[in-house]
PDB file of N, CA and C in Angstrom:
ATOM      1  N   MET A   1      70.244-203.169  79.607  1.00  0.00           N
ATOM      2  CA  MET A   1      71.690-203.338  79.570  1.00  0.00           C
ATOM      3  C   MET A   1      72.138-203.899  80.914  1.00  0.00           C
ATOM      4  N   ASP A   2      73.033-204.877  80.850  1.00  0.00           N
ATOM      5  CA  ASP A   2      73.594-205.430  82.069  1.00  0.00           C
ATOM      6  C   ASP A   2      75.112-205.513  81.943  1.00  0.00           C
ATOM      7  N   THR A   3      75.769-205.814  83.044  1.00  0.00           N
ATOM      8  CA  THR A   3      77.233-205.843  83.023  1.00  0.00           C
ATOM      9  C   THR A   3      77.772-206.969  82.147  1.00  0.00           C
ATOM     10  N   THR A   4      77.018-208.038  81.970  1.00  0.00           N
ATOM     11  CA  THR A   4      77.464-209.132  81.100  1.00  0.00           C
ATOM     12  C   THR A   4      77.631-208.636  79.667  1.00  0.00           C
ATOM     13  N   THR A   5      76.705-207.817  79.219  1.00  0.00           N
ATOM     14  CA  THR A   5      76.805-207.246  77.867  1.00  0.00           C
ATOM     15  C   THR A   5      78.039-206.365  77.753  1.00  0.00           C
ATOM     16  N   LEU A   6      78.261-205.525  78.763  1.00  0.00           N
ATOM     17  CA  LEU A   6      79.449-204.667  78.754  1.00  0.00           C
ATOM     18  C   LEU A   6      80.718-205.507  78.734  1.00  0.00           C
ATOM     19  N   ILE A   7      80.775-206.531  79.546  1.00  0.00           N
ATOM     20  CA  ILE A   7      81.953-207.398  79.585  1.00  0.00           C
ATOM     21  C   ILE A   7      82.198-208.037  78.218  1.00  0.00           C
ATOM     22  N   ASN A   8      81.149-208.496  77.558  1.00  0.00           N
ATOM     23  CA  ASN A   8      81.300-209.085  76.224  1.00  0.00           C
ATOM     24  C   ASN A   8      81.823-208.062  75.221  1.00  0.00           C
ATOM     25  N   LEU A   9      81.333-206.817  75.317  1.00  0.00           N
ATOM     26  CA  LEU A   9      81.834-205.750  74.438  1.00  0.00           C
ATOM     27  C   LEU A   9      83.319-205.499  74.697  1.00  0.00           C
ATOM     28  N   LEU A  10      83.693-205.471  75.961  1.00  0.00           N
ATOM     29  CA  LEU A  10      85.086-205.222  76.320  1.00  0.00           C
ATOM     30  C   LEU A  10      85.998-206.355  75.873  1.00  0.00           C
ATOM     31  N   LYS A  11      85.545-207.585  76.036  1.00  0.00           N
ATOM     32  CA  LYS A  11      86.354-208.749  75.642  1.00  0.00           C
ATOM     33  C   LYS A  11      86.569-208.814  74.137  1.00  0.00           C
ATOM     34  N   SER A  12      85.582-208.385  73.374  1.00  0.00           N
ATOM     35  CA  SER A  12      85.687-208.498  71.921  1.00  0.00           C
ATOM     36  C   SER A  12      86.257-207.235  71.264  1.00  0.00           C
ATOM     37  N   HIS A  13      86.500-206.207  72.056  1.00  0.00           N
ATOM     38  CA  HIS A  13      86.990-204.932  71.516  1.00  0.00           C
ATOM     39  C   HIS A  13      88.433-205.056  71.041  1.00  0.00           C
ATOM     40  N   ASP A  14      88.730-204.451  69.890  1.00  0.00           N
ATOM     41  CA  ASP A  14      90.095-204.371  69.380  1.00  0.00           C
ATOM     42  C   ASP A  14      90.727-203.115  69.981  1.00  0.00           C
ATOM     43  N   TRP A  15      91.482-203.285  71.021  1.00  0.00           N
ATOM     44  CA  TRP A  15      92.065-202.158  71.757  1.00  0.00           C
ATOM     45  C   TRP A  15      93.135-201.431  70.947  1.00  0.00           C
ATOM     46  N   TYR A  16      93.522-201.988  69.825  1.00  0.00           N
ATOM     47  CA  TYR A  16      94.588-201.400  69.004  1.00  0.00           C
ATOM     48  C   TYR A  16      94.077-200.922  67.644  1.00  0.00           C
ATOM     49  N   TYR A  17      92.775-200.755  67.524  1.00  0.00           N
ATOM     50  CA  TYR A  17      92.189-200.380  66.233  1.00  0.00           C
ATOM     51  C   TYR A  17      92.772-199.084  65.679  1.00  0.00           C
ATOM     52  N   HIS A  18      93.139-198.172  66.540  1.00  0.00           N
ATOM     53  CA  HIS A  18      93.631-196.867  66.083  1.00  0.00           C
ATOM     54  C   HIS A  18      94.992-196.963  65.384  1.00  0.00           C
ATOM     55  N   TYR A  19      95.651-198.101  65.477  1.00  0.00           N
ATOM     56  CA  TYR A  19      96.913-198.317  64.772  1.00  0.00           C
ATOM     57  C   TYR A  19      96.719-198.943  63.390  1.00  0.00           C
ATOM     58  N   SER A  20      95.513-199.340  63.064  1.00  0.00           N
ATOM     59  CA  SER A  20      95.272-200.093  61.838  1.00  0.00           C
ATOM     60  C   SER A  20      95.395-199.218  60.589  1.00  0.00           C
ATOM     61  N   ASP A  21      96.003-199.789  59.543  1.00  0.00           N
ATOM     62  CA  ASP A  21      96.043-199.141  58.236  1.00  0.00           C
ATOM     63  C   ASP A  21      94.789-199.449  57.430  1.00  0.00           C
ATOM     64  N   ASP A  22      94.022-200.423  57.892  1.00  0.00           N
ATOM     65  CA  ASP A  22      92.789-200.833  57.224  1.00  0.00           C
ATOM     66  C   ASP A  22      91.642-199.976  57.756  1.00  0.00           C
ATOM     67  N   HIS A  23      91.107-199.126  56.893  1.00  0.00           N
ATOM     68  CA  HIS A  23      90.074-198.186  57.325  1.00  0.00           C
ATOM     69  C   HIS A  23      88.842-198.900  57.890  1.00  0.00           C
ATOM     70  N   SER A  24      88.484-200.043  57.331  1.00  0.00           N
ATOM     71  CA  SER A  24      87.303-200.759  57.833  1.00  0.00           C
ATOM     72  C   SER A  24      87.532-201.258  59.265  1.00  0.00           C
ATOM     73  N   LYS A  25      88.755-201.673  59.576  1.00  0.00           N
ATOM     74  CA  LYS A  25      89.056-202.096  60.948  1.00  0.00           C
ATOM     75  C   LYS A  25      89.027-200.902  61.900  1.00  0.00           C
ATOM     76  N   TRP A  26      89.495-199.757  61.406  1.00  0.00           N
ATOM     77  CA  TRP A  26      89.466-198.545  62.217  1.00  0.00           C
ATOM     78  C   TRP A  26      88.021-198.146  62.511  1.00  0.00           C
ATOM     79  N   ILE A  27      87.170-198.175  61.487  1.00  0.00           N
ATOM     80  CA  ILE A  27      85.745-197.843  61.659  1.00  0.00           C
ATOM     81  C   ILE A  27      85.096-198.811  62.645  1.00  0.00           C
ATOM     82  N   ASN A  28      85.376-200.100  62.501  1.00  0.00           N
ATOM     83  CA  ASN A  28      84.829-201.096  63.440  1.00  0.00           C
ATOM     84  C   ASN A  28      85.273-200.803  64.866  1.00  0.00           C
ATOM     85  N   GLY A  29      86.528-200.418  65.036  1.00  0.00           N
ATOM     86  CA  GLY A  29      87.039-200.089  66.360  1.00  0.00           C
ATOM     87  C   GLY A  29      86.354-198.874  66.958  1.00  0.00           C
ATOM     88  N   VAL A  30      86.134-197.852  66.135  1.00  0.00           N
ATOM     89  CA  VAL A  30      85.433-196.648  66.596  1.00  0.00           C
ATOM     90  C   VAL A  30      84.009-197.003  67.028  1.00  0.00           C
ATOM     91  N   GLN A  31      83.340-197.811  66.226  1.00  0.00           N
ATOM     92  CA  GLN A  31      81.967-198.217  66.553  1.00  0.00           C
ATOM     93  C   GLN A  31      81.930-199.066  67.824  1.00  0.00           C
ATOM     94  N   SER A  32      82.906-199.938  67.973  1.00  0.00           N
ATOM     95  CA  SER A  32      82.989-200.772  69.171  1.00  0.00           C
ATOM     96  C   SER A  32      83.222-199.907  70.412  1.00  0.00           C
ATOM     97  N   GLN A  33      84.122-198.952  70.292  1.00  0.00           N
ATOM     98  CA  GLN A  33      84.407-198.052  71.418  1.00  0.00           C
ATOM     99  C   GLN A  33      83.162-197.251  71.786  1.00  0.00           C
ATOM    100  N   ARG A  34      82.422-196.785  70.774  1.00  0.00           N
ATOM    101  CA  ARG A  34      81.189-196.023  71.019  1.00  0.00           C
ATOM    102  C   ARG A  34      80.156-196.905  71.731  1.00  0.00           C
ATOM    103  N   ALA A  35      80.050-198.165  71.310  1.00  0.00           N
ATOM    104  CA  ALA A  35      79.112-199.089  71.954  1.00  0.00           C
ATOM    105  C   ALA A  35      79.495-199.309  73.414  1.00  0.00           C
ATOM    106  N   ILE A  36      80.787-199.400  73.685  1.00  0.00           N
ATOM    107  CA  ILE A  36      81.254-199.563  75.069  1.00  0.00           C
ATOM    108  C   ILE A  36      80.889-198.337  75.890  1.00  0.00           C
ATOM    109  N   TYR A  37      81.178-197.150  75.369  1.00  0.00           N
ATOM    110  CA  TYR A  37      80.845-195.913  76.102  1.00  0.00           C
ATOM    111  C   TYR A  37      79.340-195.783  76.321  1.00  0.00           C
ATOM    112  N   ASP A  38      78.563-196.151  75.321  1.00  0.00           N
ATOM    113  CA  ASP A  38      77.098-196.097  75.462  1.00  0.00           C
ATOM    114  C   ASP A  38      76.624-197.066  76.547  1.00  0.00           C
ATOM    115  N   ALA A  39      77.189-198.264  76.557  1.00  0.00           N
ATOM    116  CA  ALA A  39      76.818-199.261  77.575  1.00  0.00           C
ATOM    117  C   ALA A  39      77.208-198.765  78.964  1.00  0.00           C
ATOM    118  N   MET A  40      78.381-198.166  79.067  1.00  0.00           N
ATOM    119  CA  MET A  40      78.818-197.630  80.356  1.00  0.00           C
ATOM    120  C   MET A  40      77.869-196.531  80.833  1.00  0.00           C
ATOM    121  N   ASP A  41      77.457-195.675  79.913  1.00  0.00           N
ATOM    122  CA  ASP A  41      76.505-194.609  80.262  1.00  0.00           C
ATOM    123  C   ASP A  41      75.179-195.194  80.722  1.00  0.00           C
ATOM    124  N   GLU A  42      74.698-196.209  80.013  1.00  0.00           N
ATOM    125  CA  GLU A  42      73.426-196.848  80.384  1.00  0.00           C
ATOM    126  C   GLU A  42      73.496-197.481  81.771  1.00  0.00           C
ATOM    127  N   LEU A  43      74.679-197.939  82.142  1.00  0.00           N
ATOM    128  CA  LEU A  43      74.866-198.568  83.457  1.00  0.00           C
ATOM    129  C   LEU A  43      75.187-197.535  84.546  1.00  0.00           C
ATOM    130  N   GLY A  44      75.142-196.261  84.174  1.00  0.00           N
ATOM    131  CA  GLY A  44      75.333-195.200  85.150  1.00  0.00           C
ATOM    132  C   GLY A  44      76.762-194.701  85.276  1.00  0.00           C
ATOM    133  N   ASN A  45      77.673-195.283  84.512  1.00  0.00           N
ATOM    134  CA  ASN A  45      79.080-194.886  84.531  1.00  0.00           C
ATOM    135  C   ASN A  45      79.630-194.760  85.963  1.00  0.00           C
ATOM    136  N   THR A  46      79.240-195.691  86.800  1.00  0.00           N
ATOM    137  CA  THR A  46      79.658-195.709  88.206  1.00  0.00           C
ATOM    138  C   THR A  46      81.120-196.130  88.310  1.00  0.00           C
ATOM    139  N   ASP A  47      81.673-196.028  89.491  1.00  0.00           N
ATOM    140  CA  ASP A  47      83.049-196.486  89.707  1.00  0.00           C
ATOM    141  C   ASP A  47      83.197-197.968  89.394  1.00  0.00           C
ATOM    142  N   ASP A  48      82.181-198.769  89.725  1.00  0.00           N
ATOM    143  CA  ASP A  48      82.228-200.208  89.417  1.00  0.00           C
ATOM    144  C   ASP A  48      82.263-200.448  87.910  1.00  0.00           C
ATOM    145  N   VAL A  49      81.496-199.675  87.173  1.00  0.00           N
ATOM    146  CA  VAL A  49      81.469-199.803  85.709  1.00  0.00           C
ATOM    147  C   VAL A  49      82.829-199.400  85.139  1.00  0.00           C
ATOM    148  N   LYS A  50      83.388-198.317  85.639  1.00  0.00           N
ATOM    149  CA  LYS A  50      84.708-197.876  85.171  1.00  0.00           C
ATOM    150  C   LYS A  50      85.775-198.910  85.492  1.00  0.00           C
ATOM    151  N   GLN A  51      85.667-199.546  86.640  1.00  0.00           N
ATOM    152  CA  GLN A  51      86.638-200.577  87.004  1.00  0.00           C
ATOM    153  C   GLN A  51      86.570-201.771  86.050  1.00  0.00           C
ATOM    154  N   LEU A  52      85.366-202.101  85.583  1.00  0.00           N
ATOM    155  CA  LEU A  52      85.246-203.159  84.569  1.00  0.00           C
ATOM    156  C   LEU A  52      86.000-202.764  83.305  1.00  0.00           C
ATOM    157  N   TYR A  53      85.831-201.528  82.885  1.00  0.00           N
ATOM    158  CA  TYR A  53      86.518-201.024  81.690  1.00  0.00           C
ATOM    159  C   TYR A  53      88.031-201.176  81.855  1.00  0.00           C
ATOM    160  N   TYR A  54      88.548-200.726  82.983  1.00  0.00           N
ATOM    161  CA  TYR A  54      89.988-200.805  83.211  1.00  0.00           C
ATOM    162  C   TYR A  54      90.470-202.244  83.378  1.00  0.00           C
ATOM    163  N   LYS A  55      89.630-203.099  83.906  1.00  0.00           N
ATOM    164  CA  LYS A  55      89.990-204.506  84.092  1.00  0.00           C
ATOM    165  C   LYS A  55      90.267-205.192  82.752  1.00  0.00           C
ATOM    166  N   TYR A  56      89.482-204.867  81.733  1.00  0.00           N
ATOM    167  CA  TYR A  56      89.624-205.534  80.438  1.00  0.00           C
ATOM    168  C   TYR A  56      90.545-204.798  79.483  1.00  0.00           C
ATOM    169  N   MET A  57      90.977-203.604  79.859  1.00  0.00           N
ATOM    170  CA  MET A  57      91.939-202.856  79.048  1.00  0.00           C
ATOM    171  C   MET A  57      93.306-203.536  79.169  1.00  0.00           C
ATOM    172  N   PRO A  58      94.044-203.670  78.063  1.00  0.00           N
ATOM    173  CA  PRO A  58      95.386-204.245  78.159  1.00  0.00           C
ATOM    174  C   PRO A  58      96.238-203.479  79.180  1.00  0.00           C
ATOM    175  N   LYS A  59      97.023-204.221  79.934  1.00  0.00           N
ATOM    176  CA  LYS A  59      97.765-203.647  81.058  1.00  0.00           C
ATOM    177  C   LYS A  59      98.638-202.463  80.652  1.00  0.00           C
ATOM    178  N   HIS A  60      99.353-202.569  79.548  1.00  0.00           N
ATOM    179  CA  HIS A  60     100.254-201.464  79.199  1.00  0.00           C
ATOM    180  C   HIS A  60      99.479-200.189  78.843  1.00  0.00           C
ATOM    181  N   LEU A  61      98.261-200.320  78.303  1.00  0.00           N
ATOM    182  CA  LEU A  61      97.434-199.137  78.054  1.00  0.00           C
ATOM    183  C   LEU A  61      96.945-198.542  79.372  1.00  0.00           C
ATOM    184  N   PHE A  62      96.541-199.424  80.280  1.00  0.00           N
ATOM    185  CA  PHE A  62      96.116-198.975  81.606  1.00  0.00           C
ATOM    186  C   PHE A  62      97.258-198.246  82.310  1.00  0.00           C
ATOM    187  N   ASP A  63      98.467-198.800  82.221  1.00  0.00           N
ATOM    188  CA  ASP A  63      99.627-198.194  82.871  1.00  0.00           C
ATOM    189  C   ASP A  63      99.907-196.794  82.323  1.00  0.00           C
ATOM    190  N   LYS A  64      99.730-196.609  81.010  1.00  0.00           N
ATOM    191  CA  LYS A  64      99.927-195.283  80.410  1.00  0.00           C
ATOM    192  C   LYS A  64      98.928-194.273  80.971  1.00  0.00           C
ATOM    193  N   ILE A  65      97.681-194.680  81.087  1.00  0.00           N
ATOM    194  CA  ILE A  65      96.650-193.791  81.617  1.00  0.00           C
ATOM    195  C   ILE A  65      96.927-193.482  83.080  1.00  0.00           C
ATOM    196  N   GLU A  66      97.274-194.515  83.825  1.00  0.00           N
ATOM    197  CA  GLU A  66      97.548-194.344  85.246  1.00  0.00           C
ATOM    198  C   GLU A  66      98.726-193.393  85.460  1.00  0.00           C
ATOM    199  N   LYS A  67      99.759-193.540  84.655  1.00  0.00           N
ATOM    200  CA  LYS A  67     100.933-192.676  84.764  1.00  0.00           C
ATOM    201  C   LYS A  67     100.576-191.233  84.411  1.00  0.00           C
ATOM    202  N   SER A  68      99.822-191.055  83.352  1.00  0.00           N
ATOM    203  CA  SER A  68      99.400-189.716  82.935  1.00  0.00           C
ATOM    204  C   SER A  68      98.558-189.048  84.019  1.00  0.00           C
ATOM    205  N   ASN A  69      97.646-189.797  84.604  1.00  0.00           N
ATOM    206  CA  ASN A  69      96.795-189.241  85.673  1.00  0.00           C
ATOM    207  C   ASN A  69      97.618-188.896  86.902  1.00  0.00           C
ATOM    208  N   ALA A  70      98.630-189.703  87.222  1.00  0.00           N
ATOM    209  CA  ALA A  70      99.456-189.463  88.401  1.00  0.00           C
ATOM    210  C   ALA A  70     100.202-188.128  88.281  1.00  0.00           C
ATOM    211  N   ILE A  71     100.576-187.784  87.076  1.00  0.00           N
ATOM    212  CA  ILE A  71     101.246-186.508  86.846  1.00  0.00           C
ATOM    213  C   ILE A  71     100.357-185.358  87.292  1.00  0.00           C
ATOM    214  N   HIS A  72      99.062-185.517  87.131  1.00  0.00           N
ATOM    215  CA  HIS A  72      98.090-184.480  87.484  1.00  0.00           C
ATOM    216  C   HIS A  72      97.481-184.692  88.858  1.00  0.00           C
ATOM    217  N   GLY A  73      98.021-185.647  89.603  1.00  0.00           N
ATOM    218  CA  GLY A  73      97.536-185.896  90.952  1.00  0.00           C
ATOM    219  C   GLY A  73      96.218-186.631  91.021  1.00  0.00           C
ATOM    220  N   GLU A  74      95.860-187.327  89.942  1.00  0.00           N
ATOM    221  CA  GLU A  74      94.602-188.074  89.894  1.00  0.00           C
ATOM    222  C   GLU A  74      94.907-189.570  89.991  1.00  0.00           C
ATOM    223  N   THR A  75      93.910-190.316  90.441  1.00  0.00           N
ATOM    224  CA  THR A  75      94.042-191.775  90.490  1.00  0.00           C
ATOM    225  C   THR A  75      92.852-192.410  89.791  1.00  0.00           C
ATOM    226  N   LEU A  76      93.015-193.666  89.409  1.00  0.00           N
ATOM    227  CA  LEU A  76      91.928-194.405  88.757  1.00  0.00           C
ATOM    228  C   LEU A  76      91.181-195.213  89.769  1.00  0.00           C
TER     229      LEU A  76
END
């Protein structure tokens, strides 16, 4: 596993799959998310790997996570 593979998974991921009414799209999204998490684990889930994840996440989703973490005194 290399970071190029992770980047390709992140670029092709449907970040909004959980909103889908189409069960097959939801299943595909769950599988895609699992593949991303597995790739991150294989790469050691380092801060650099996490930063790649956040880099490809849509900004408004990132902002929600960042805001939620700030409430608890955590940063990304």
